[in-house]
Amino acid sequence: MPSTTNIKSISYLKSHAAQISEDLEMNGNPFVITQNGEASMVIESVKQYQEKEALIAALRIMALGEKDRVQGKGIAAADSRAQLLAARQGRK
């Protein structure tokens, strides 16, 4: 959760966009921007955004794998290792 020092008004954003950009690059803490006293957006660095998107993608893959496992669509780890070993030996 962002610290309370990173809660700024939209008017602050308008007048200090360059400073916010520098702060994001230096410390990486996102900013919560408020409008009429209510949180309306979060500004984060591109690096944070990309890391979060990669994490979400990995979690989606894991969820799909778990769904397949529950439905009985997967194979046992030992069987998978045996298939990999057989494929490697077939290339030689």
Protein backbone atom coordinates (compact mmCIF):
# COMPACT_ATOMS: atom_id res chain seq x y z
CA MET A 1 0.00 0.00 0.00
CA PRO A 2 1.37 3.42 -0.87
CA SER A 3 2.44 5.67 1.95
CA THR A 4 0.28 8.67 2.84
CA THR A 5 2.96 11.03 1.54
CA ASN A 6 2.20 9.78 -1.96
CA ILE A 7 -1.43 10.87 -1.93
CA LYS A 8 -1.73 13.98 -4.05
CA SER A 9 -4.55 16.02 -5.54
CA ILE A 10 -5.18 16.22 -9.24
CA SER A 11 -4.18 19.89 -9.18
CA TYR A 12 -0.82 18.85 -7.68
CA LEU A 13 -0.42 16.36 -10.52
CA LYS A 14 -1.14 19.06 -13.09
CA SER A 15 1.47 21.43 -11.69
CA HIS A 16 4.12 18.88 -10.63
CA ALA A 17 3.96 16.12 -13.27
CA ALA A 18 7.71 16.26 -13.94
CA GLN A 19 8.51 15.99 -10.23
CA ILE A 20 6.15 13.04 -9.82
CA SER A 21 7.86 11.34 -12.76
CA GLU A 22 11.27 11.87 -11.15
CA ASP A 23 10.01 10.57 -7.79
CA LEU A 24 8.64 7.46 -9.46
CA GLU A 25 11.95 6.82 -11.17
CA MET A 26 13.94 7.36 -7.97
CA ASN A 27 11.92 5.50 -5.34
CA GLY A 28 9.29 3.59 -7.30
CA ASN A 29 6.43 4.26 -4.88
CA PRO A 30 3.16 4.83 -6.74
CA PHE A 31 1.10 7.99 -6.27
CA VAL A 32 -2.60 7.99 -5.42
CA ILE A 33 -4.26 10.94 -7.12
CA THR A 34 -7.42 12.36 -5.61
CA GLN A 35 -10.22 14.35 -7.15
CA ASN A 36 -12.70 16.12 -4.86
CA GLY A 37 -11.15 14.32 -1.90
CA GLU A 38 -11.71 10.85 -3.36
CA ALA A 39 -9.02 8.56 -4.76
CA SER A 40 -9.45 8.53 -8.53
CA MET A 41 -6.25 7.07 -10.00
CA VAL A 42 -2.88 5.57 -9.26
CA ILE A 43 0.26 6.60 -11.09
CA GLU A 44 3.12 4.10 -11.15
CA SER A 45 6.36 3.70 -13.05
CA VAL A 46 6.53 1.75 -16.29
CA LYS A 47 8.83 -0.76 -14.58
CA GLN A 48 6.26 -1.37 -11.83
CA TYR A 49 3.50 -1.71 -14.40
CA GLN A 50 5.47 -4.24 -16.46
CA GLU A 51 6.39 -6.27 -13.37
CA LYS A 52 2.77 -6.32 -12.27
CA GLU A 53 1.56 -7.38 -15.72
CA ALA A 54 4.16 -10.19 -15.83
CA LEU A 55 3.01 -11.38 -12.40
CA ILE A 56 -0.63 -11.33 -13.46
CA ALA A 57 0.23 -13.34 -16.60
CA ALA A 58 2.11 -15.93 -14.53
CA LEU A 59 -0.80 -16.21 -12.09
CA ARG A 60 -3.23 -16.71 -14.98
CA ILE A 61 -1.08 -19.53 -16.36
CA MET A 62 -0.93 -21.13 -12.92
CA ALA A 63 -4.72 -20.83 -12.55
CA LEU A 64 -5.26 -22.47 -15.95
CA GLY A 65 -2.90 -25.28 -14.99
CA GLU A 66 -4.70 -25.79 -11.70
CA LYS A 67 -8.04 -25.85 -13.52
CA ASP A 68 -6.71 -28.53 -15.88
CA ARG A 69 -5.30 -30.52 -12.94
CA VAL A 70 -8.65 -30.47 -11.13
CA GLN A 71 -10.41 -31.62 -14.32
CA GLY A 72 -7.94 -34.50 -14.65
CA LYS A 73 -6.38 -33.18 -17.85
CA GLY A 74 -2.80 -33.23 -16.61
CA ILE A 75 -0.25 -36.00 -16.27
CA ALA A 76 1.82 -37.02 -13.28
CA ALA A 77 5.21 -35.38 -12.80
CA ALA A 78 6.96 -38.74 -13.09
CA ASP A 79 5.22 -39.45 -16.40
CA SER A 80 6.18 -35.99 -17.68
CA ARG A 81 9.83 -36.56 -16.74
CA ALA A 82 9.78 -39.91 -18.50
CA GLN A 83 8.38 -38.30 -21.67
CA LEU A 84 11.06 -35.59 -21.56
CA LEU A 85 13.80 -38.18 -21.07
CA ALA A 86 12.49 -40.27 -23.95
CA ALA A 87 12.33 -37.19 -26.21
CA ARG A 88 15.92 -36.25 -25.33
CA GLN A 89 17.16 -39.76 -25.99
CA GLY A 90 15.28 -39.82 -29.29
CA ARG A 91 17.24 -36.78 -30.51
CA LYS A 92 20.60 -38.45 -29.98
